[in-house]
Amino acid sequence: MRKVSWLVLVMAVLAMGVVAVNAQDTHQVVDGVLYIQDGRVNSWDVAAPVAVYCRFDYPDADDVDYSVLSSIELLTINYADEGELTLSVDAAQIDAVGETPAENTLIAAAGGYGLYRATNGSLYVVGPADASGNPYIFVWNRGDQNC
């Protein structure tokens, strides 16, 4: 019985080690900066309350390098470090505001987060304030960070 208990304990420890290794495989350190490698646009912002993803369609099956933006999704990060879809904005909604609007323009909002197009053409997300009263703001240009 004692051997079985030790065997179960050893197997449990090994299993936890495998889970820990798999969790670490989604992260990478480059030049001292930790990146989350799951396809999010804000991959270096490991404390972000929301993950920003650009989704693409591949209309030409023969050319896997040719893609067209289909949507931008915001997934709110919960306390279990899991993402919950908060906002999905399709390409038509993004295109409707134009490449360089006359003023910063809200494209869509939900769950306290908004996706905007700036007058210089960049996109940005604004989220609720943290405990210090600072809102979450993430800015990027189309073509940067695989978006």
Protein backbone atom coordinates (compact mmCIF):
# COMPACT_ATOMS: atom_id res chain seq x y z
CA MET A 1 0.00 0.00 0.00
CA ARG A 2 2.84 2.35 0.83
CA LYS A 3 4.44 1.77 -2.60
CA VAL A 4 1.15 2.57 -4.31
CA SER A 5 0.83 5.82 -2.35
CA TRP A 6 4.35 6.87 -3.32
CA LEU A 7 3.70 5.95 -6.93
CA VAL A 8 0.52 8.04 -6.98
CA LEU A 9 2.37 10.96 -5.39
CA VAL A 10 5.22 10.77 -7.91
CA MET A 11 2.76 10.61 -10.81
CA ALA A 12 0.88 13.62 -9.46
CA VAL A 13 4.09 15.66 -9.13
CA LEU A 14 5.15 14.71 -12.67
CA ALA A 15 1.72 15.62 -14.02
CA MET A 16 1.88 19.04 -12.35
CA GLY A 17 5.31 19.58 -13.89
CA VAL A 18 3.92 18.85 -17.35
CA VAL A 19 1.06 21.31 -16.81
CA ALA A 20 3.51 23.98 -15.62
CA VAL A 21 5.74 23.45 -18.66
CA ASN A 22 2.77 23.69 -21.01
CA ALA A 23 1.64 26.94 -19.38
CA GLN A 24 5.11 28.40 -19.77
CA ASP A 25 5.23 27.44 -23.45
CA THR A 26 2.74 30.26 -24.21
CA HIS A 27 5.25 32.86 -22.95
CA GLN A 28 8.58 34.03 -24.31
CA VAL A 29 11.17 36.49 -23.06
CA VAL A 30 12.79 38.67 -25.74
CA ASP A 31 15.36 41.31 -24.77
CA GLY A 32 14.22 41.09 -21.16
CA VAL A 33 10.53 41.59 -22.04
CA LEU A 34 7.96 38.87 -21.36
CA TYR A 35 5.57 38.22 -24.27
CA ILE A 36 2.40 36.14 -24.29
CA GLN A 37 2.54 34.02 -27.42
CA ASP A 38 -1.14 33.33 -28.11
CA GLY A 39 -1.69 35.69 -31.03
CA ARG A 40 -2.91 38.73 -29.13
CA VAL A 41 -1.91 42.17 -30.44
CA ASN A 42 -1.00 43.46 -26.96
CA SER A 43 1.28 40.47 -26.32
CA TRP A 44 3.89 42.32 -24.23
CA ASP A 45 1.30 43.80 -21.86
CA VAL A 46 1.09 40.79 -19.54
CA ALA A 47 -0.94 42.73 -16.95
CA ALA A 48 -3.55 43.93 -19.45
CA PRO A 49 -7.16 43.50 -18.32
CA VAL A 50 -8.14 42.71 -21.92
CA ALA A 51 -6.53 40.75 -24.76
CA VAL A 52 -6.86 42.25 -28.26
CA TYR A 53 -7.02 39.83 -31.20
CA CYS A 54 -7.23 40.47 -34.91
CA ARG A 55 -9.04 37.72 -36.80
CA PHE A 56 -8.45 37.09 -40.48
CA ASP A 57 -10.14 35.33 -43.39
CA TYR A 58 -8.04 33.55 -46.01
CA PRO A 59 -10.04 33.90 -49.24
CA ASP A 60 -7.45 32.22 -51.49
CA ALA A 61 -6.86 28.61 -50.45
CA ASP A 62 -3.76 28.49 -52.68
CA ASP A 63 -2.15 31.53 -51.01
CA VAL A 64 -2.02 31.05 -47.25
CA ASP A 65 -0.04 34.30 -46.89
CA TYR A 66 -2.92 36.38 -48.27
CA SER A 67 -5.36 37.35 -45.54
CA VAL A 68 -8.09 39.90 -45.01
CA LEU A 69 -9.03 41.35 -41.62
CA SER A 70 -12.42 39.94 -40.63
CA SER A 71 -12.74 41.28 -37.07
CA ILE A 72 -11.08 42.63 -33.96
CA GLU A 73 -12.02 40.90 -30.73
CA LEU A 74 -11.55 42.01 -27.14
CA LEU A 75 -11.43 39.29 -24.49
CA THR A 76 -11.65 40.47 -20.89
CA ILE A 77 -9.21 38.59 -18.65
CA ASN A 78 -10.91 37.21 -15.54
CA TYR A 79 -9.37 36.23 -12.22
CA ALA A 80 -8.69 32.68 -13.46
CA ASP A 81 -6.57 34.17 -16.31
CA GLU A 82 -9.16 33.10 -18.85
CA GLY A 83 -10.53 35.34 -21.57
CA GLU A 84 -14.21 36.08 -22.01
CA LEU A 85 -15.37 37.63 -25.29
CA THR A 86 -16.45 41.18 -24.50
CA LEU A 87 -16.53 42.82 -27.92
CA SER A 88 -16.28 41.63 -31.51
CA VAL A 89 -16.08 44.30 -34.21
CA ASP A 90 -16.27 43.21 -37.84
CA ALA A 91 -14.19 44.75 -40.62
CA ALA A 92 -17.18 46.58 -42.10
CA GLN A 93 -17.69 48.49 -38.82
CA ILE A 94 -14.00 49.41 -38.75
CA ASP A 95 -13.96 50.48 -42.39
CA ALA A 96 -17.11 52.59 -41.92
CA VAL A 97 -15.21 55.22 -39.91
CA GLY A 98 -12.56 55.59 -42.63
CA GLU A 99 -8.77 55.31 -42.48
CA THR A 100 -8.21 58.80 -41.01
CA PRO A 101 -11.39 60.28 -39.55
CA ALA A 102 -11.63 64.03 -38.84
CA GLU A 103 -11.77 63.28 -35.11
CA ASN A 104 -11.02 60.29 -32.91
CA THR A 105 -14.04 58.05 -33.45
CA LEU A 106 -15.63 55.32 -31.36
CA ILE A 107 -16.19 52.28 -33.58
CA ALA A 108 -17.89 50.03 -31.03
CA ALA A 109 -18.14 49.52 -27.26
CA ALA A 110 -19.24 46.85 -24.79
CA GLY A 111 -18.48 45.79 -21.24
CA GLY A 112 -16.73 49.05 -20.40
CA TYR A 113 -14.30 48.77 -23.35
CA GLY A 114 -14.28 50.80 -26.54
CA LEU A 115 -12.49 50.37 -29.86
CA TYR A 116 -11.58 53.69 -31.51
CA ARG A 117 -9.95 54.94 -34.72
CA ALA A 118 -7.65 57.94 -34.21
CA THR A 119 -7.24 60.80 -36.66
CA ASN A 120 -3.78 59.46 -37.61
CA GLY A 121 -5.31 56.10 -38.59
CA SER A 122 -4.19 54.12 -35.55
CA LEU A 123 -6.61 51.99 -33.57
CA TYR A 124 -6.92 52.09 -29.82
CA VAL A 125 -8.76 50.39 -27.00
CA VAL A 126 -9.89 52.23 -23.89
CA GLY A 127 -11.01 50.26 -20.85
CA PRO A 128 -12.23 50.89 -17.33
CA ALA A 129 -9.99 52.55 -14.78
CA ASP A 130 -7.87 50.41 -12.49
CA ALA A 131 -7.69 50.76 -8.69
CA SER A 132 -5.46 53.83 -9.12
CA GLY A 133 -8.00 55.54 -11.38
CA ASN A 134 -6.01 55.06 -14.61
CA PRO A 135 -7.96 53.79 -17.62
CA TYR A 136 -6.49 51.00 -19.74
CA ILE A 137 -5.33 52.38 -23.10
CA PHE A 138 -3.67 50.36 -25.84
CA VAL A 139 -2.76 51.93 -29.21
CA TRP A 140 -1.50 50.25 -32.38
CA ASN A 141 -1.31 50.79 -36.12
CA ARG A 142 -2.76 48.32 -38.58
CA GLY A 143 0.12 46.19 -39.82
CA ASP A 144 1.86 46.23 -36.42
CA GLN A 145 1.78 43.24 -34.07
CA ASN A 146 0.29 40.97 -36.77
CA CYS A 147 -2.82 43.06 -37.18
